Protein backbone atom coordinates (compact mmCIF):
# COMPACT_ATOMS: atom_id res chain seq x y z
CA MET A 1 96.24 89.78 94.68
CA PRO A 2 96.35 88.31 91.37
CA GLY A 3 93.25 88.68 88.99
CA PRO A 4 91.35 85.80 87.57
CA PRO A 5 93.22 83.59 84.89
CA PRO A 6 92.96 84.72 81.18
CA ILE A 7 90.32 83.36 79.21
CA ASP A 8 91.51 80.67 76.78
CA PRO A 9 93.38 82.71 74.13
CA ASP A 10 93.21 80.08 71.48
CA VAL A 11 89.48 79.95 71.75
CA PRO A 12 87.05 82.81 70.19
CA ASP A 13 84.53 85.01 72.80
CA ARG A 14 81.67 83.94 70.83
CA PHE A 15 82.62 80.14 70.91
CA PRO A 16 79.95 79.48 74.19
CA ALA A 17 77.32 80.88 71.89
CA GLU A 18 78.44 78.55 68.93
CA VAL A 19 78.69 75.68 70.80
CA ALA A 20 74.64 76.17 72.26
CA ARG A 21 73.53 76.72 68.82
CA ARG A 22 74.84 73.48 67.87
CA TRP A 23 74.20 71.71 71.23
CA ARG A 24 70.04 72.77 70.98
CA ARG A 25 70.15 71.93 67.23
CA ASP A 26 72.06 68.44 67.10
CA VAL A 27 71.96 67.21 71.15
CA LEU A 28 68.73 67.95 72.06
CA PRO A 29 66.88 66.03 69.23
CA PHE A 30 69.10 62.72 69.78
CA LEU A 31 68.42 63.00 73.69
CA GLU A 32 64.67 63.05 72.68
CA ALA A 33 64.97 59.89 71.00
CA PHE A 34 67.51 58.28 73.27
CA ALA A 35 64.69 58.81 75.86
CA ARG A 36 62.54 56.80 74.43
CA VAL A 37 64.90 53.41 74.46
CA PRO A 38 64.45 52.04 77.72
CA ASP A 39 67.59 50.67 78.01
CA VAL A 40 67.76 49.81 81.73
CA SER A 41 71.06 48.45 83.00
CA PRO A 42 71.92 44.77 82.83
CA GLY A 43 71.82 44.76 87.13
CA PHE A 44 67.70 45.45 86.24
CA ASP A 45 67.49 43.67 83.14
CA PRO A 46 69.27 39.93 83.21
CA ASP A 47 67.72 39.06 79.70
CA TRP A 48 69.43 42.27 78.19
CA GLU A 49 70.50 40.59 75.38
CA ALA A 50 67.48 39.56 74.57
CA THR A 51 65.33 42.40 75.24
CA GLY A 52 67.88 44.37 72.94
CA HIS A 53 66.95 47.47 74.25
CA ILE A 54 70.85 48.31 75.37
CA GLU A 55 71.78 47.26 72.16
CA ALA A 56 69.30 49.85 70.56
CA ALA A 57 70.95 52.83 72.32
CA ALA A 58 74.42 51.83 71.76
CA GLY A 59 73.66 51.82 68.16
CA LEU A 60 71.62 54.72 68.35
CA LEU A 61 74.22 56.76 69.96
CA ALA A 62 77.07 55.20 67.41
CA THR A 63 74.96 56.63 64.34
CA TRP A 64 74.75 60.02 65.84
CA ALA A 65 78.22 60.08 66.46
CA SER A 66 79.43 58.99 63.18
CA HIS A 67 77.71 61.93 61.46
CA ARG A 68 79.21 64.80 63.23
CA SER A 69 81.73 66.83 61.04
CA ILE A 70 85.16 66.29 62.76
CA PRO A 71 88.25 65.52 60.56
CA GLY A 72 89.46 62.16 60.74
CA LEU A 73 86.94 60.85 63.36
CA THR A 74 85.99 56.80 63.73
CA VAL A 75 83.34 55.36 65.26
CA ASP A 76 82.99 51.82 66.70
CA VAL A 77 80.79 49.76 68.73
CA VAL A 78 82.97 47.02 70.68
CA ARG A 79 81.09 44.01 71.66
CA LEU A 80 82.61 41.26 73.86
CA PRO A 81 80.72 38.11 74.61
CA GLY A 82 78.47 38.59 77.64
CA LEU A 83 79.38 42.17 77.95
CA THR A 84 77.15 45.45 77.00
CA PRO A 85 78.37 46.91 73.86
CA THR A 86 80.63 49.99 74.24
CA VAL A 87 80.84 52.93 72.10
CA VAL A 88 83.95 53.80 71.17
CA VAL A 89 84.83 57.07 69.08
CA GLU A 90 88.47 58.24 68.40
CA VAL A 91 89.57 61.76 66.86
CA PRO A 92 93.08 62.49 65.63
CA PRO A 93 95.04 65.39 66.80
CA SER A 94 94.17 68.68 65.09
CA ASP A 95 98.07 68.61 63.86
CA GLY A 96 101.33 66.96 64.29
CA GLY A 97 102.28 69.63 66.93
CA VAL A 98 100.05 68.57 69.72
CA GLU A 99 101.33 65.38 71.29
CA GLY A 100 98.78 64.87 74.08
CA SER A 101 95.88 62.99 74.35
CA LEU A 102 92.73 62.68 76.84
CA LEU A 103 89.99 60.33 77.12
CA VAL A 104 86.38 61.36 77.91
CA TYR A 105 84.34 59.08 80.05
CA GLY A 106 80.23 58.42 79.46
CA HIS A 107 77.54 55.74 79.76
CA TYR A 108 74.49 55.60 77.93
CA ASP A 109 72.69 52.61 80.38
CA LYS A 110 69.60 53.80 82.60
CA GLN A 111 68.26 53.26 85.97
CA PRO A 112 64.67 51.54 86.26
CA PRO A 113 61.77 54.02 85.74
CA PHE A 114 60.69 53.90 89.15
CA ASP A 115 57.58 55.78 90.69
CA GLY A 116 56.07 58.75 91.56
CA TRP A 117 56.66 60.95 88.00
CA THR A 118 54.91 64.00 87.60
CA GLY A 119 51.60 64.20 85.88
CA GLY A 120 52.38 64.54 81.83
CA ARG A 121 56.00 63.36 82.60
CA ALA A 122 57.42 59.67 82.39
CA ALA A 123 60.68 58.03 82.22
CA TRP A 124 60.58 56.74 78.58
CA SER A 125 58.41 59.67 77.20
CA PRO A 126 60.62 63.09 77.09
CA SER A 127 59.12 66.20 77.87
CA LEU A 128 60.77 69.82 77.37
CA GLU A 129 59.57 72.17 79.76
CA GLY A 130 61.24 75.45 79.61
CA ASP A 131 64.86 74.84 80.40
CA ARG A 132 64.41 71.55 81.35
CA LEU A 133 64.12 67.99 79.54
CA TYR A 134 62.59 65.66 81.71
CA ALA A 135 63.12 61.80 80.99
CA ARG A 136 64.98 58.92 82.41
CA GLY A 137 69.12 58.94 81.51
CA VAL A 138 69.35 62.35 79.69
CA ALA A 139 71.02 63.97 82.61
CA ASP A 140 72.92 60.47 83.86
CA ASP A 141 74.35 60.20 81.64
CA GLY A 142 72.91 60.48 78.00
CA TYR A 143 74.35 63.94 77.63
CA ALA A 144 77.77 63.00 78.00
CA LEU A 145 79.32 61.66 75.02
CA PRO A 146 77.04 63.44 72.65
CA SER A 147 78.14 66.57 74.30
CA ALA A 148 81.78 65.91 74.17
CA LEU A 149 81.73 65.43 70.39
CA VAL A 150 80.07 68.97 69.69
CA ALA A 151 82.74 70.46 71.79
CA LEU A 152 85.47 68.57 69.60
CA GLU A 153 83.33 69.57 66.67
CA SER A 154 83.04 73.25 67.50
CA LEU A 155 86.62 73.38 68.32
CA ALA A 156 87.31 72.18 64.62
CA ALA A 157 84.95 74.87 63.33
CA ALA A 158 86.58 77.35 64.96
CA GLY A 159 90.00 76.52 63.96
CA VAL A 160 91.02 75.39 67.58
CA ARG A 161 94.00 72.93 67.91
CA HIS A 162 93.45 69.88 70.22
CA GLY A 163 95.34 66.88 70.68
CA ARG A 164 94.01 63.33 69.98
CA CYS A 165 90.83 62.29 71.70
CA VAL A 166 89.17 59.06 72.84
CA LEU A 167 85.48 59.10 73.91
CA VAL A 168 84.21 56.06 75.58
CA ALA A 169 80.33 55.29 76.25
CA GLU A 170 79.91 52.29 78.46
CA GLY A 171 76.48 50.07 78.86
CA SER A 172 76.68 48.57 82.52
CA GLU A 173 77.54 51.91 84.86
CA GLU A 174 74.37 51.87 86.61
CA SER A 175 75.01 48.27 87.68
CA GLY A 176 78.36 48.81 89.04
CA SER A 177 80.30 48.58 85.99
CA PRO A 178 80.88 45.15 85.97
CA HIS A 179 81.57 45.07 82.28
CA LEU A 180 83.78 48.09 82.15
CA PRO A 181 87.46 46.52 83.39
CA ALA A 182 87.38 43.86 80.50
CA VAL A 183 86.50 46.74 77.79
CA LEU A 184 89.20 48.89 79.28
CA ASP A 185 91.59 45.94 78.95
CA HIS A 186 90.46 45.28 75.67
CA LEU A 187 90.97 48.96 74.56
CA ALA A 188 94.09 49.20 76.35
CA GLY A 189 96.23 49.59 72.93
CA ARG A 190 93.55 52.02 71.70
CA ILE A 191 93.61 54.28 74.73
CA GLY A 192 97.17 54.65 74.95
CA ARG A 193 98.52 56.59 78.01
CA PRO A 194 96.07 60.04 78.09
CA GLY A 195 97.38 63.00 79.62
CA LEU A 196 94.02 64.03 80.76
CA VAL A 197 90.84 61.85 81.94
CA VAL A 198 87.40 63.70 82.17
CA ALA A 199 84.19 61.69 83.42
CA LEU A 200 80.97 63.43 82.61
CA ASP A 201 79.07 61.72 84.79
CA SER A 202 79.52 63.48 88.26
CA GLY A 203 77.32 66.23 89.54
CA CYS A 204 77.26 70.20 90.49
CA PRO A 205 75.75 71.98 94.04
CA THR A 206 74.82 74.72 91.70
CA TYR A 207 74.06 75.70 87.92
CA ASP A 208 76.01 79.08 88.42
CA ARG A 209 79.27 77.76 87.59
CA LEU A 210 81.63 74.67 86.81
CA TRP A 211 82.30 72.39 89.44
CA ALA A 212 84.93 69.45 89.60
CA THR A 213 84.51 66.96 91.79
CA THR A 214 87.32 66.29 93.97
CA SER A 215 86.09 63.00 95.77
CA LEU A 216 83.65 60.09 95.14
CA ARG A 217 82.20 57.66 97.32
CA GLY A 218 82.61 53.85 96.77
CA VAL A 219 79.98 51.42 96.89
CA VAL A 220 78.61 47.92 98.10
CA ASP A 221 75.19 46.13 97.32
CA GLY A 222 73.83 43.23 97.64
CA THR A 223 70.41 41.62 98.66
CA LEU A 224 69.74 40.37 102.76
CA THR A 225 66.92 37.36 102.98
CA VAL A 226 66.05 36.19 105.95
CA SER A 227 63.47 33.36 106.28
CA VAL A 228 61.43 31.61 109.20
CA LEU A 229 58.86 29.66 107.89
CA GLU A 230 58.22 27.41 104.92
CA HIS A 231 55.28 29.08 104.17
CA GLY A 232 52.78 32.07 105.80
CA VAL A 233 50.92 31.05 108.57
CA HIS A 234 48.28 32.58 110.66
CA SER A 235 49.84 35.51 112.67
CA GLY A 236 47.08 35.10 115.68
CA SER A 237 48.31 31.51 115.91
CA ALA A 238 51.88 32.04 115.27
CA GLY A 239 52.62 35.45 116.52
CA GLY A 240 54.50 35.67 119.67
CA ALA A 241 56.12 32.21 119.05
CA VAL A 242 57.64 32.55 115.37
CA PRO A 243 59.84 35.18 115.32
CA ASP A 244 58.93 37.71 112.41
CA SER A 245 61.27 37.79 109.65
CA PHE A 246 61.22 41.30 109.18
CA ARG A 247 62.05 42.12 112.76
CA LEU A 248 65.23 39.72 112.78
CA ALA A 249 66.14 41.76 109.49
CA ARG A 250 65.91 45.01 111.26
CA HIS A 251 68.16 43.80 113.88
CA LEU A 252 70.78 42.64 111.80
CA LEU A 253 70.97 46.04 110.00
CA ASP A 254 71.28 47.12 113.63
CA ARG A 255 74.46 45.40 113.79
CA ILE A 256 75.78 47.65 110.82
CA GLU A 257 73.95 50.98 111.11
CA ASP A 258 72.82 52.88 114.66
CA PRO A 259 69.12 53.05 113.96
CA VAL A 260 69.01 56.66 115.86
CA THR A 261 71.65 58.60 113.80
CA GLY A 262 71.91 56.68 110.56
CA ASP A 263 75.77 56.22 111.72
CA LEU A 264 77.28 53.06 110.06
CA ILE A 265 79.22 51.61 113.09
CA LEU A 266 81.62 48.96 111.42
CA PRO A 267 85.05 50.26 111.78
CA GLU A 268 85.91 49.07 108.19
CA LEU A 269 83.23 51.27 107.04
CA ARG A 270 84.69 54.32 108.33
CA VAL A 271 87.48 56.99 107.99
CA GLU A 272 88.51 60.73 109.13
CA PRO A 273 87.70 63.15 106.64
CA PRO A 274 91.24 64.63 105.42
CA ALA A 275 92.63 67.87 106.55
CA GLY A 276 90.97 70.37 104.77
CA ALA A 277 87.65 68.71 104.19
CA ALA A 278 85.67 70.70 107.24
CA GLY A 279 87.02 73.79 105.64
CA ALA A 280 85.77 72.80 102.17
CA ALA A 281 82.39 71.84 103.38
CA ALA A 282 81.78 75.14 105.54
CA MET A 283 82.60 76.80 102.46
CA LEU A 284 80.47 74.94 100.46
CA ALA A 285 77.62 75.28 102.43
CA ASP A 286 78.00 78.94 102.77
CA LEU A 287 77.60 79.22 99.24
CA LEU A 288 74.64 77.13 99.10
CA ALA A 289 72.89 78.96 101.92
CA ALA A 290 74.24 82.48 100.02
CA GLY A 291 72.56 81.12 96.55
CA GLY A 292 69.41 80.06 98.00
CA HIS A 293 70.10 76.19 97.71
CA GLU A 294 69.95 74.59 100.81
CA ASP A 295 66.59 74.63 101.54
CA ASP A 296 65.57 72.89 98.52
CA ALA A 297 68.32 70.08 98.51
CA PHE A 298 66.28 67.37 99.10
CA PRO A 299 62.44 67.17 98.81
CA VAL A 300 61.89 66.25 102.31
CA VAL A 301 58.04 66.15 103.66
CA GLU A 302 57.24 68.78 106.07
CA GLY A 303 58.74 68.09 109.88
CA VAL A 304 61.44 65.77 108.46
CA ARG A 305 64.86 67.10 109.95
CA LEU A 306 68.13 65.98 107.89
CA GLU A 307 70.38 64.15 109.85
CA GLY A 308 74.10 65.95 111.10
CA SER A 309 74.93 69.00 112.89
CA GLY A 310 74.27 71.59 110.49
CA PRO A 311 74.74 72.34 106.96
CA ALA A 312 78.62 72.00 106.87
CA ASP A 313 78.12 68.62 108.39
CA ARG A 314 75.84 67.48 105.85
CA VAL A 315 78.39 68.36 103.36
CA ILE A 316 80.98 65.79 105.13
CA ARG A 317 78.32 63.29 105.92
CA THR A 318 77.28 63.03 102.32
CA SER A 319 80.74 62.97 100.78
CA TRP A 320 82.91 61.33 103.46
CA ALA A 321 80.91 58.95 105.74
CA ALA A 322 79.04 55.82 104.90
CA SER A 323 75.59 55.61 104.85
CA LEU A 324 73.07 52.53 104.13
CA ALA A 325 69.76 52.69 102.08
CA VAL A 326 66.99 50.15 101.53
CA VAL A 327 66.03 50.58 98.37
CA GLY A 328 63.77 47.86 97.82
CA ALA A 329 62.23 44.57 99.42
CA ASP A 330 60.49 41.44 98.26
CA GLY A 331 58.17 39.23 100.38
CA LEU A 332 55.99 42.26 101.50
CA PRO A 333 52.71 42.19 99.92
CA PRO A 334 50.91 45.44 99.32
CA ALA A 335 49.10 47.03 102.11
CA ALA A 336 45.61 46.66 100.49
CA THR A 337 45.92 43.09 99.82
CA ALA A 338 47.76 41.89 103.14
CA GLY A 339 46.25 39.40 104.94
CA ASN A 340 46.97 38.39 108.47
CA VAL A 341 49.72 36.37 107.87
CA LEU A 342 53.28 35.78 109.70
CA ARG A 343 55.45 36.02 106.43
CA PRO A 344 57.78 33.19 105.45
CA SER A 345 60.72 35.76 104.91
CA THR A 346 61.78 38.91 104.18
CA THR A 347 64.19 40.22 101.24
CA LEU A 348 65.87 43.52 101.19
CA LYS A 349 68.03 45.16 98.78
CA LEU A 350 70.55 47.23 100.56
CA VAL A 351 73.11 50.05 99.15
CA PHE A 352 76.23 51.14 101.28
CA ARG A 353 77.80 54.08 100.30
CA LEU A 354 81.46 54.18 101.36
CA PRO A 355 83.94 56.84 101.98
CA PRO A 356 86.39 57.48 99.27
CA THR A 357 89.45 56.04 100.97
CA VAL A 358 88.02 52.83 101.99
CA ASP A 359 88.90 49.61 100.50
CA ALA A 360 85.71 48.44 98.99
CA ARG A 361 86.46 44.65 99.30
CA ILE A 362 87.08 45.19 102.89
CA ALA A 363 84.01 46.55 103.63
CA ALA A 364 82.19 43.83 101.67
CA ALA A 365 83.58 41.34 103.79
CA SER A 366 82.95 43.13 106.96
CA ILE A 367 79.37 43.81 105.91
CA ARG A 368 78.86 40.11 105.10
CA HIS A 369 80.03 38.95 108.57
CA ALA A 370 77.90 41.50 110.37
CA LEU A 371 75.01 40.02 108.72
CA THR A 372 75.57 36.33 108.32
CA ASP A 373 77.38 35.41 111.45
CA VAL A 374 75.33 33.74 114.47
CA PRO A 375 71.92 34.40 113.00
CA PRO A 376 69.11 35.76 115.10
CA ALA A 377 66.99 32.96 116.59
CA GLY A 378 68.58 30.49 114.46
CA ALA A 379 66.73 32.20 111.23
CA ARG A 380 68.12 31.08 107.79
CA VAL A 381 69.91 34.36 106.64
CA GLU A 382 71.51 34.75 103.29
CA TRP A 383 73.58 37.72 101.74
CA THR A 384 74.36 37.87 98.15
CA GLU A 385 76.82 40.75 97.14
CA GLY A 386 75.93 42.27 93.99
CA GLY A 387 78.66 44.36 93.84
CA ALA A 388 81.59 46.35 95.20
CA ALA A 389 83.60 49.36 93.49
CA ASP A 390 86.21 51.33 95.77
CA GLY A 391 85.66 55.44 95.78
CA TRP A 392 88.12 57.83 94.48
CA ALA A 393 89.86 61.09 95.97
CA ALA A 394 91.31 63.40 93.57
CA ALA A 395 95.34 64.45 93.51
CA PRO A 396 95.89 68.21 93.66
CA TYR A 397 95.38 69.34 90.13
CA ALA A 398 98.73 70.64 88.23
CA PRO A 399 98.74 74.56 88.15
CA TRP A 400 97.87 74.12 84.18
CA LEU A 401 94.63 72.47 84.61
CA ASP A 402 93.43 74.40 88.10
CA GLY A 403 93.82 77.58 86.04
CA ALA A 404 92.09 76.23 83.39
CA LEU A 405 89.32 75.30 85.28
CA ASP A 406 88.55 78.70 86.68
CA ALA A 407 89.10 80.28 82.92
CA ALA A 408 86.65 77.61 81.56
CA SER A 409 84.10 78.55 83.73
CA LEU A 410 84.50 82.18 83.82
CA ALA A 411 83.90 82.12 80.15
CA CYS A 412 80.93 80.32 80.34
CA PHE A 413 79.23 80.57 83.56
CA GLY A 414 80.79 84.22 84.64
CA MET A 415 81.71 82.52 87.78
CA PRO A 416 85.27 80.61 88.94
CA ALA A 417 85.03 77.10 89.34
CA GLY A 418 84.15 75.11 92.17
CA ARG A 419 85.61 72.00 93.75
CA PHE A 420 83.41 69.52 95.66
CA GLY A 421 83.14 65.92 97.11
CA GLU A 422 80.37 64.12 95.37
CA GLY A 423 78.52 61.32 97.52
CA GLY A 424 77.69 59.20 94.42
CA SER A 425 79.85 56.35 92.69
CA ILE A 426 81.80 56.57 89.36
CA PRO A 427 84.01 53.18 89.76
CA PHE A 428 85.87 54.35 86.33
CA MET A 429 87.82 56.95 88.15
CA GLY A 430 89.13 54.45 90.57
CA TRP A 431 90.08 52.24 88.21
CA LEU A 432 91.68 54.89 85.95
CA THR A 433 93.94 56.25 89.02
CA SER A 434 95.37 52.67 89.12
CA ARG A 435 96.15 52.43 85.18
CA TYR A 436 97.08 56.06 84.76
CA PRO A 437 98.79 57.34 87.55
CA GLU A 438 100.52 60.11 85.96
CA ALA A 439 97.11 61.14 84.01
CA GLU A 440 95.34 64.29 85.23
CA LEU A 441 91.87 62.84 86.35
CA LEU A 442 88.85 65.31 86.51
CA ALA A 443 85.13 64.57 87.02
CA MET A 444 82.32 66.74 86.03
CA GLY A 445 78.72 67.07 84.90
CA VAL A 446 75.19 68.64 85.21
CA LEU A 447 73.42 66.52 87.97
CA GLY A 448 72.29 69.58 90.04
CA PRO A 449 69.59 71.08 91.90
CA GLY A 450 66.15 69.33 90.64
CA SER A 451 67.98 66.93 88.33
CA ASN A 452 67.04 64.25 90.77
CA ALA A 453 68.92 61.04 89.26
CA HIS A 454 67.73 57.61 89.74
CA GLY A 455 64.29 59.09 90.88
CA PRO A 456 60.93 60.31 89.59
CA ASP A 457 61.41 63.54 87.07
CA GLU A 458 65.01 63.36 86.48
CA ALA A 459 65.79 66.13 84.57
CA LEU A 460 68.57 67.70 82.33
CA HIS A 461 68.92 71.71 83.00
CA LEU A 462 69.78 72.74 79.40
CA PRO A 463 71.80 75.64 79.73
CA THR A 464 74.34 74.22 82.38
CA ALA A 465 74.55 71.02 79.71
CA GLU A 466 75.30 73.88 76.90
CA ARG A 467 77.91 75.62 79.51
CA VAL A 468 79.28 72.28 80.57
CA THR A 469 80.00 71.58 77.12
CA SER A 470 81.76 74.98 76.23
CA ALA A 471 83.86 74.60 79.05
CA LEU A 472 85.16 70.97 78.03
CA GLY A 473 85.96 72.68 74.72
CA MET A 474 88.12 75.08 76.57
CA LEU A 475 89.81 72.30 78.54
CA VAL A 476 90.48 70.75 75.56
CA ALA A 477 91.72 73.57 73.84
CA ALA A 478 93.91 74.45 77.23
CA HIS A 479 95.29 70.72 77.30
CA ALA A 480 96.61 71.04 73.68
CA ARG A 481 98.02 74.07 74.65
CA HIS A 482 100.11 72.63 77.97
CA SER A 483 100.94 69.43 75.78
CA GLU A 484 103.06 71.56 73.21
CA ARG A 485 105.11 73.05 75.86
CA GLY A 486 106.12 69.37 76.61
CA PRO A 487 104.64 65.87 76.14
CA VAL A 488 101.87 64.97 78.83
CA THR A 489 102.08 61.48 77.79
CA GLY A 490 104.41 58.68 77.03
CA PRO A 491 104.50 56.39 74.04
CA GLY A 492 101.37 54.32 73.08
CA CYS A 493 99.32 56.98 71.58
CA LEU A 494 98.27 55.99 68.12
């Protein structure tokens, strides 16, 4: 049996400790300031240009980045008309002998604050408690670009060689990245043709190792409105004659989702998981159970039974099956002030997660037809699609990257790297696959147990952020060493 891959010979043994020191000194204060900016994504703040919070967050990030001690570093905020600013950082290669380039992705826009934060914690008021920093957007995804820069800064301080690096932080990811394609087109010449692309917006099932994401689900979201009356009427006089708009909306959802199992029934939203997915799911489920993570994966109330036939099946359901969530509603007054009135309409905000290989546009068309064809009881049914983005399934990693992942994880966590399918969505990864089919694409991140991205008490696990930062530095060094044996990019690198 071969032993574990060797620790990177170019990186000093003290590298993880040095990165951790720099991270606590420089990144943590930045995140505490960044957390106070309520820069919700443009999909949740239509007046974002007038509000100014997104501009403030981009400026804060750019200013911090410009003070890094990295030779040749340049920082730019790209502003295209009507689109959120994009922070672009370019770092030249450490020397002329390293020919490869790489691209690192993150985002700085945030989800809305949501309700239910524990006393003493708040979305826009950072709270440092032990090894966790609580605030909206610090784990998803404010840590990303600062951590990547600290990794590069630490490499430079240690005299470790690296290739040309382009770091991009966008401002529309939490809205489905509608602004990103135009920005990538604009930046095509500056990005060149990277040999390695790293997205730092993913998760980790545990905090005991570096996790690489092998697949991401796609997404379709939109707003469904069912109207039955011009205005509300007494429920006693109308009930039984006028159909209830909520019941009709529920009926429409039943065209798409099995109300008992939660399975989505439209064939355009379903795929067979690839060969090997079941075995990988069983291995991950066993690992989570051995580490005691299975029971605390979700904060369910007592008595709630999770869907699926068991832990391994739930791994498949959250990575290779479609799902529907009703994430918001209009037309429903608070229970305390609701009168005996048959309401004129019900509006539901719906989010569909799609298997990684489903075509999101075909899925979106199927959803639209299911919801709007033959309205029940002749009701007025409106479906306003918010966006549709494909998922992503990683190609097998090149041998050098596969070995570098394990080496970095062993050096920084003491355990070999893990691989898993993520239930969330990063539209960027699918777009980059089509733009740069020759590049190695790697998604990883810090969203692990208790991080609760998008919900109350979002938290960044600081030791994991430090270790992921160190691991990224080691991957950059491994990429440079691989590039020396032969260019991994074609012409077009600046």
